[in-house]
Protein backbone atom coordinates (compact mmCIF):
# COMPACT_ATOMS: atom_id res chain seq x y z
CA MET A 1 -16.22 -21.45 -2.24
CA PRO A 2 -19.64 -20.52 0.06
CA ASN A 3 -22.29 -18.53 -1.18
CA LEU A 4 -22.44 -14.71 -0.51
CA LYS A 5 -25.02 -14.31 2.40
CA ILE A 6 -26.30 -10.59 1.13
CA LEU A 7 -27.78 -8.55 3.94
CA THR A 8 -30.95 -6.23 2.79
CA LYS A 9 -31.59 -3.94 5.71
CA THR A 10 -28.58 -1.61 6.58
CA PRO A 11 -26.26 -1.68 9.40
CA ARG A 12 -27.68 0.87 11.32
CA GLU A 13 -30.82 -1.19 10.74
CA LEU A 14 -29.65 -4.02 12.38
CA GLY A 15 -27.51 -2.49 15.34
CA TYR A 16 -23.95 -3.11 13.29
CA THR A 17 -21.60 0.11 13.81
CA PHE A 18 -17.95 0.42 12.18
CA PRO A 19 -15.33 0.64 15.45
CA ALA A 20 -13.25 3.01 16.19
CA GLU A 21 -9.61 1.99 14.98
CA TRP A 22 -7.99 1.91 18.98
CA GLU A 23 -10.83 -1.10 19.37
CA ARG A 24 -9.44 -3.96 19.80
CA HIS A 25 -8.89 -5.97 16.29
CA SER A 26 -8.75 -9.68 16.11
CA GLY A 27 -6.25 -8.57 13.05
CA THR A 28 -5.12 -6.43 10.36
CA TRP A 29 -5.05 -7.05 6.69
CA PHE A 30 -2.70 -6.18 3.78
CA SER A 31 -2.61 -6.72 0.27
CA TRP A 32 1.04 -7.60 -1.06
CA PRO A 33 2.52 -5.28 -3.84
CA ARG A 34 2.56 -6.64 -7.29
CA PRO A 35 5.72 -6.48 -9.15
CA GLU A 36 3.61 -5.51 -11.96
CA GLY A 37 1.47 -3.45 -10.48
CA ILE A 38 1.41 0.54 -10.74
CA SER A 39 2.07 1.37 -6.83
CA PHE A 40 6.04 1.49 -7.01
CA PRO A 41 7.48 2.20 -10.38
CA ASP A 42 11.54 0.90 -9.94
CA LYS A 43 11.04 1.16 -6.55
CA HIS A 44 8.98 -2.43 -5.51
CA HIS A 45 12.35 -4.10 -4.49
CA THR A 46 12.52 -1.55 -1.36
CA VAL A 47 9.20 -2.26 -0.49
CA PRO A 48 9.45 -5.59 1.19
CA ALA A 49 11.79 -4.47 3.97
CA VAL A 50 9.04 -1.79 5.44
CA MET A 51 6.32 -4.76 5.33
CA ALA A 52 8.52 -6.38 7.14
CA ALA A 53 9.03 -3.86 9.75
CA ILE A 54 5.06 -3.43 9.78
CA PHE A 55 4.02 -7.01 9.83
CA ASN A 56 6.92 -7.38 13.11
CA ALA A 57 5.29 -4.70 14.87
CA ILE A 58 1.82 -5.85 14.40
CA ALA A 59 2.10 -10.18 14.29
CA PRO A 60 2.95 -10.33 17.95
CA ARG A 61 -0.39 -8.48 19.22
CA GLU A 62 -2.63 -9.78 16.43
CA THR A 63 -3.10 -11.46 13.25
CA VAL A 64 -1.51 -10.18 9.97
CA HIS A 65 -3.79 -11.22 7.11
CA VAL A 66 -2.08 -10.79 3.53
CA ASN A 67 -3.61 -11.00 0.11
CA VAL A 68 -2.22 -12.59 -2.52
CA PRO A 69 -3.24 -14.33 -5.79
CA ASN A 70 -2.06 -17.38 -5.05
CA GLY A 71 0.33 -20.11 -3.35
CA ASN A 72 3.53 -19.48 -5.89
CA VAL A 73 3.17 -15.95 -4.93
CA GLU A 74 2.84 -16.80 -1.16
CA ARG A 75 5.99 -18.98 -1.48
CA ILE A 76 7.67 -15.82 -3.14
CA VAL A 77 6.61 -13.43 -0.55
CA ARG A 78 7.28 -15.75 2.14
CA GLN A 79 10.88 -15.91 1.30
CA GLN A 80 11.03 -12.16 1.11
CA ILE A 81 9.74 -11.43 4.42
CA LYS A 82 11.80 -13.61 5.77
CA ASP A 83 15.05 -12.50 3.93
CA ALA A 84 13.74 -8.84 4.97
CA GLY A 85 14.04 -9.67 8.76
CA GLY A 86 10.21 -10.04 9.35
CA THR A 87 8.51 -12.31 11.33
CA LEU A 88 6.00 -15.02 9.66
CA LYS A 89 4.75 -16.26 13.33
CA ASN A 90 1.19 -15.21 13.01
CA VAL A 91 1.13 -14.30 9.92
CA GLN A 92 -1.58 -15.71 7.61
CA PHE A 93 -1.82 -15.63 3.44
CA HIS A 94 -5.36 -15.87 1.72
CA HIS A 95 -5.09 -16.31 -2.11
CA ILE A 96 -7.22 -13.35 -3.00
CA ARG A 97 -6.18 -11.23 -6.25
CA THR A 98 -5.88 -7.60 -6.05
CA ASN A 99 -5.13 -5.29 -8.80
CA GLU A 100 -3.19 -2.76 -6.13
CA ASN A 101 -1.86 -2.89 -2.28
CA TRP A 102 -4.46 -0.13 -0.59
CA CYS A 103 -5.93 -2.56 1.35
CA ARG A 104 -7.57 0.48 3.14
CA ASP A 105 -9.34 1.72 0.02
CA HIS A 106 -10.09 -1.55 -1.67
CA GLY A 107 -10.59 -4.26 1.73
CA PRO A 108 -13.62 -4.55 3.66
CA ALA A 109 -15.81 -2.40 6.06
CA PHE A 110 -15.85 -4.31 8.98
CA VAL A 111 -19.18 -3.18 10.86
CA VAL A 112 -19.89 -4.84 14.47
CA ASN A 113 -23.17 -5.72 16.26
CA ARG A 114 -21.46 -5.50 19.86
CA ALA A 115 -25.16 -7.04 21.61
CA LYS A 116 -25.34 -10.19 19.52
CA LYS A 117 -21.15 -10.58 19.20
CA LYS A 118 -21.94 -10.67 15.52
CA LEU A 119 -18.99 -9.60 12.23
CA ALA A 120 -19.77 -8.20 8.91
CA ILE A 121 -18.95 -6.43 6.11
CA VAL A 122 -19.55 -3.70 4.05
CA ASP A 123 -18.90 -3.81 0.19
CA TRP A 124 -18.75 -0.23 -1.27
CA GLY A 125 -17.92 0.34 -4.53
CA PHE A 126 -14.40 0.23 -5.26
CA ASN A 127 -13.10 2.63 -9.03
CA ALA A 128 -9.39 3.44 -7.98
CA TRP A 129 -10.05 6.94 -6.77
CA GLY A 130 -11.99 7.78 -9.32
CA GLY A 131 -11.35 5.96 -12.13
CA LYS A 132 -7.36 6.82 -11.91
CA TYR A 133 -5.92 3.51 -12.50
CA PRO A 134 -7.58 1.36 -14.42
CA PRO A 135 -7.75 -1.53 -13.98
CA TYR A 136 -9.21 -2.46 -10.50
CA ASN A 137 -11.68 -4.94 -10.74
CA ASP A 138 -10.22 -7.32 -8.87
CA ASP A 139 -9.94 -4.93 -6.08
CA ASP A 140 -13.14 -3.86 -6.54
CA ALA A 141 -14.33 -7.49 -5.66
CA VAL A 142 -11.61 -8.07 -2.17
CA PRO A 143 -14.12 -7.06 0.53
CA SER A 144 -16.92 -10.08 -0.99
CA GLU A 145 -13.82 -12.30 -1.29
CA ILE A 146 -12.91 -11.79 2.00
CA ALA A 147 -16.71 -11.81 2.97
CA LYS A 148 -16.71 -15.77 1.41
CA ALA A 149 -13.72 -17.15 2.51
CA PHE A 150 -14.65 -16.00 6.05
CA LYS A 151 -18.24 -16.79 5.78
CA LEU A 152 -19.76 -13.66 7.08
CA PRO A 153 -22.57 -11.67 5.84
CA VAL A 154 -22.27 -8.73 3.47
CA PHE A 155 -24.06 -5.35 2.67
CA LEU A 156 -24.31 -3.87 -0.53
CA PRO A 157 -24.89 -0.29 -0.59
CA LYS A 158 -26.52 0.07 -3.41
CA ASN A 159 -26.88 3.50 -5.59
CA PRO A 160 -30.82 3.29 -7.41
CA ALA A 161 -29.77 6.20 -9.32
CA GLY A 162 -26.68 3.74 -10.58
CA VAL A 163 -22.73 5.00 -10.06
CA THR A 164 -21.20 5.94 -13.85
CA SER A 165 -18.30 6.16 -12.30
CA ASN A 166 -18.39 2.76 -11.14
CA ALA A 167 -19.49 1.04 -14.37
CA GLY A 168 -18.10 -2.42 -14.94
CA SER A 169 -17.04 -3.18 -11.70
CA GLY A 170 -20.26 -4.83 -10.48
CA PRO A 171 -23.43 -4.25 -8.95
CA ASP A 172 -23.94 -0.48 -9.01
CA LEU A 173 -22.86 0.70 -5.79
CA VAL A 174 -21.83 3.52 -3.87
CA VAL A 175 -18.17 4.41 -4.76
CA MET A 176 -16.58 5.01 -0.83
CA GLU A 177 -12.85 4.29 0.44
CA GLY A 178 -11.84 3.81 3.75
CA GLY A 179 -9.03 6.54 3.94
CA ALA A 180 -11.65 8.61 2.76
CA ILE A 181 -13.40 8.62 6.23
CA GLU A 182 -12.63 8.33 10.03
CA VAL A 183 -14.88 7.55 13.27
CA ASN A 184 -14.21 8.56 16.83
CA GLY A 185 -16.54 5.71 18.38
CA ALA A 186 -18.53 7.62 20.10
CA GLY A 187 -21.21 8.39 17.00
CA THR A 188 -19.17 11.07 14.57
CA LEU A 189 -17.45 10.65 11.26
CA LEU A 190 -15.38 13.00 10.00
CA THR A 191 -14.56 13.20 5.90
CA THR A 192 -13.72 15.24 3.26
CA THR A 193 -15.52 17.72 0.44
CA ASP A 194 -12.21 17.57 -1.74
CA CYS A 195 -13.30 13.46 -1.85
CA LEU A 196 -16.74 12.36 -1.15
CA LEU A 197 -18.12 14.93 -3.18
CA ASN A 198 -15.68 14.90 -6.47
CA LYS A 199 -17.72 13.94 -9.37
CA ASN A 200 -15.57 10.92 -10.22
CA ARG A 201 -17.01 9.01 -7.13
CA ASN A 202 -20.55 9.33 -7.25
CA PRO A 203 -21.81 12.61 -9.44
CA SER A 204 -25.59 11.29 -9.06
CA LEU A 205 -25.32 11.45 -5.22
CA SER A 206 -26.15 14.92 -3.14
CA LYS A 207 -24.30 15.99 0.12
CA SER A 208 -27.46 14.92 1.95
CA GLN A 209 -27.49 11.36 0.39
CA ILE A 210 -23.71 10.51 1.03
CA GLU A 211 -24.26 11.30 4.51
CA THR A 212 -27.03 9.21 4.69
CA TYR A 213 -25.03 6.25 3.41
CA LEU A 214 -22.44 7.13 5.74
CA LYS A 215 -24.73 7.07 8.79
CA ASP A 216 -26.55 4.16 7.45
CA TYR A 217 -23.53 1.90 6.51
CA TYR A 218 -21.29 3.02 9.04
CA GLY A 219 -23.68 3.07 11.97
CA GLN A 220 -22.78 6.63 12.85
CA GLN A 221 -24.88 9.60 14.35
CA GLN A 222 -23.55 12.71 12.64
CA ILE A 223 -21.11 13.47 9.59
CA LEU A 224 -18.57 16.46 9.84
CA TRP A 225 -16.98 17.72 6.76
CA LEU A 226 -13.31 19.01 6.48
CA GLU A 227 -12.31 21.07 3.41
CA GLY A 228 -8.46 20.54 1.97
CA GLY A 229 -6.15 18.31 1.11
CA ILE A 230 -1.84 17.59 1.28
CA GLU A 231 0.27 17.82 -1.69
CA GLY A 232 0.63 14.47 -3.39
CA ASP A 233 -2.45 13.10 -2.38
CA ASP A 234 -3.75 11.69 -5.39
CA THR A 235 -6.73 10.20 -3.86
CA ASP A 236 -8.58 14.02 -3.92
CA GLY A 237 -7.86 14.50 -0.27
CA HIS A 238 -8.47 11.28 2.40
CA VAL A 239 -8.97 12.41 5.87
CA ASP A 240 -6.05 9.99 6.90
CA ASP A 241 -3.64 12.24 5.57
CA LEU A 242 -5.05 15.58 6.92
CA ALA A 243 -7.22 14.63 10.50
CA ARG A 244 -7.52 11.82 12.54
CA PHE A 245 -9.17 10.97 16.12
CA ILE A 246 -7.28 8.97 18.92
CA SER A 247 -10.08 8.47 21.10
CA PRO A 248 -13.62 9.46 21.46
CA THR A 249 -12.50 13.89 21.83
CA LYS A 250 -9.18 14.03 20.33
CA LEU A 251 -8.46 14.91 16.83
CA VAL A 252 -4.74 14.88 15.40
CA MET A 253 -3.69 17.13 13.01
CA ALA A 254 -0.46 18.54 11.15
CA LEU A 255 0.08 22.14 10.69
CA GLU A 256 3.27 23.00 8.15
CA PRO A 257 4.89 26.42 10.12
CA ASP A 258 6.64 27.71 6.54
CA PRO A 259 4.37 30.18 4.89
CA LYS A 260 6.29 28.84 1.77
CA ASP A 261 5.51 25.45 2.15
CA VAL A 262 2.62 24.11 -0.64
CA ASN A 263 0.71 22.36 2.55
CA HIS A 264 1.30 25.68 4.85
CA LYS A 265 -2.00 27.18 3.67
CA THR A 266 -4.34 24.42 2.96
CA LEU A 267 -3.43 22.35 6.63
CA LYS A 268 -3.77 26.16 8.26
CA SER A 269 -7.30 26.32 6.60
CA ALA A 270 -7.79 22.87 8.09
CA ARG A 271 -6.93 23.52 11.59
CA LYS A 272 -9.59 26.62 12.03
CA GLN A 273 -12.31 24.61 10.32
CA ALA A 274 -11.46 22.33 13.23
CA ASP A 275 -12.20 24.63 15.74
CA LYS A 276 -15.89 24.88 14.76
CA LEU A 277 -16.81 20.82 14.88
CA ARG A 278 -19.15 19.99 17.30
CA ASP A 279 -19.37 15.89 18.87
CA PRO A 280 -23.28 14.69 18.87
CA GLU A 281 -23.89 16.61 22.54
CA GLY A 282 -22.54 20.17 21.05
CA ARG A 283 -19.00 20.16 22.49
CA PRO A 284 -15.75 20.95 21.02
CA PHE A 285 -12.98 18.17 20.06
CA GLU A 286 -9.60 18.85 21.52
CA ILE A 287 -6.85 19.29 18.95
CA ILE A 288 -3.39 17.89 18.78
CA GLU A 289 -1.39 19.38 16.69
CA LEU A 290 1.86 17.36 14.71
CA PRO A 291 4.33 19.24 12.74
CA MET A 292 4.83 17.92 8.98
CA PRO A 293 7.88 16.08 8.12
CA SER A 294 10.59 18.25 6.08
CA PRO A 295 9.62 17.56 2.11
CA VAL A 296 9.62 13.94 0.89
CA GLU A 297 10.61 13.99 -2.91
CA HIS A 298 10.96 11.59 -5.96
CA ASP A 299 12.28 12.33 -9.07
CA GLY A 300 11.49 15.80 -8.82
CA GLU A 301 7.63 14.86 -7.86
CA ARG A 302 6.58 15.99 -4.02
CA LEU A 303 5.02 12.99 -1.81
CA PRO A 304 2.58 12.80 0.83
CA ALA A 305 4.67 12.80 3.62
CA THR A 306 3.11 13.03 6.88
CA TYR A 307 2.95 11.85 10.25
CA ILE A 308 -1.26 11.16 10.26
CA ASN A 309 -1.37 8.03 8.62
CA PHE A 310 -0.78 6.30 11.25
CA LEU A 311 -2.53 2.89 12.34
CA PHE A 312 -3.80 1.66 15.88
CA VAL A 313 -2.99 -2.00 16.73
CA ASN A 314 -3.46 -3.51 19.91
CA GLY A 315 -1.68 -1.92 22.37
CA ALA A 316 0.42 0.27 20.00
CA LEU A 317 0.34 2.90 17.36
CA LEU A 318 2.64 2.70 14.14
CA VAL A 319 3.29 6.00 13.25
CA PRO A 320 4.73 6.86 9.79
CA THR A 321 8.10 8.18 9.80
CA PHE A 322 10.50 9.69 6.89
CA ARG A 323 14.13 9.93 7.97
CA ASP A 324 13.70 13.57 9.17
CA ARG A 325 15.21 13.08 13.05
CA LYS A 326 13.62 15.84 14.45
CA ASN A 327 10.25 16.09 13.01
CA ASP A 328 9.94 12.20 13.45
CA LYS A 329 10.92 12.54 17.43
CA LYS A 330 8.89 15.51 17.97
CA ALA A 331 5.62 13.80 16.28
CA ILE A 332 5.99 10.31 18.30
CA GLU A 333 6.39 11.67 21.33
CA ILE A 334 3.76 14.13 21.51
CA LEU A 335 1.33 11.03 19.96
CA GLN A 336 3.13 8.70 23.10
CA SER A 337 2.06 11.57 25.71
CA HIS A 338 -1.38 11.42 24.53
CA LEU A 339 -1.72 7.75 24.61
CA PRO A 340 0.10 6.47 27.97
CA LYS A 341 -1.47 2.88 26.88
CA HIS A 342 -0.37 2.63 24.19
CA LYS A 343 3.25 2.22 22.48
CA VAL A 344 4.59 4.52 19.97
CA ILE A 345 6.34 3.18 17.17
CA GLY A 346 8.25 5.02 14.58
CA ILE A 347 8.23 2.88 11.04
CA ASP A 348 10.42 4.33 8.30
CA CYS A 349 7.71 5.14 5.10
CA THR A 350 10.56 6.61 2.91
CA GLU A 351 10.40 4.03 0.47
CA LEU A 352 6.43 3.26 0.96
CA ILE A 353 5.40 7.03 0.00
CA TRP A 354 6.74 6.46 -3.30
CA GLY A 355 3.38 4.49 -3.70
CA LEU A 356 1.74 7.83 -2.41
CA GLY A 357 0.39 6.25 0.63
CA ALA A 358 1.79 5.24 4.26
CA ILE A 359 1.05 2.90 7.12
CA HIS A 360 -3.02 3.28 7.53
CA CYS A 361 -3.55 3.23 3.49
CA LEU A 362 -1.67 -0.51 3.16
CA SER A 363 -3.95 -1.59 6.13
CA GLN A 364 -7.42 -2.31 6.95
CA GLN A 365 -8.04 -3.27 10.78
CA MET A 366 -10.50 -6.82 11.45
CA PRO A 367 -12.38 -6.31 15.02
CA ALA A 368 -12.61 -8.63 17.61
CA VAL A 369 -16.05 -9.40 18.54
């Protein structure tokens, strides 16, 4: 295995940026759920069929990369995919160990220097959403392991003050999760106060310091903040359940019209906050409103089901659906009307959401250069 090449300047200094998700990919990364993991108690057997459906939608458009711990597990997973009617064509397996399957958060943040046609990885610290689900040492190591495998240089966002909430998982790195940030491809990064200002992430850093890290390591001009998080989201309010860009000017958000629903007040407040957001030139964003699905519960627990947790792939948008015929259809139709060049595909994630995440949470895009 080659040594890790560490770049000492920031991505911003070297002309790298984190591209918008709709920009062209070479592939999309996943970490296969382990039966002994904690994400799908008593329902792991239902997950391979959902993964197979996702792979079937992606593989004709770009490479599907899958982390598995070893060759034996790879053979088992190949058979699971096959048994579920999934494709193995254009699916590549990598023997990289993980604790859980949420690649959006533990996977690499791929940054691109378009002028030089170079790709690199930002390896943020990962502490399992504020230390909630130890152990997480294998997850924390994933970005650098992928960098070694692909011989890509790595940026390490070190926190000079130390990161007590990430102690024991390698260098004192700034803690960051992919689901906590959203970019519009034109200099704006959107996040939430609930997650990134939570003391279980980077207790030694101020808001302004966090903004500096976000600008420097994602290569962005400005940082915008929303407050809030949907019910059942154990990440302390990831933005990829709350608000997503589908173009440099369009921001998609969900609203819950039922005042008795636990999400009504939070989503209404976030929607009002979004009206005040501006791009670097001072222009407001066009807000596109989606419905929320009917409440999804399991064992009496409200789950974080939302259509906002969608994933762009080349030429398509994969949208989680939840067996709510009326709202599933409405959400897909709204998104399709704003994305005429993409095929909007619904993927039933009712079983997947028991793990408290959906399609976007599972995946991490690898840009083409």
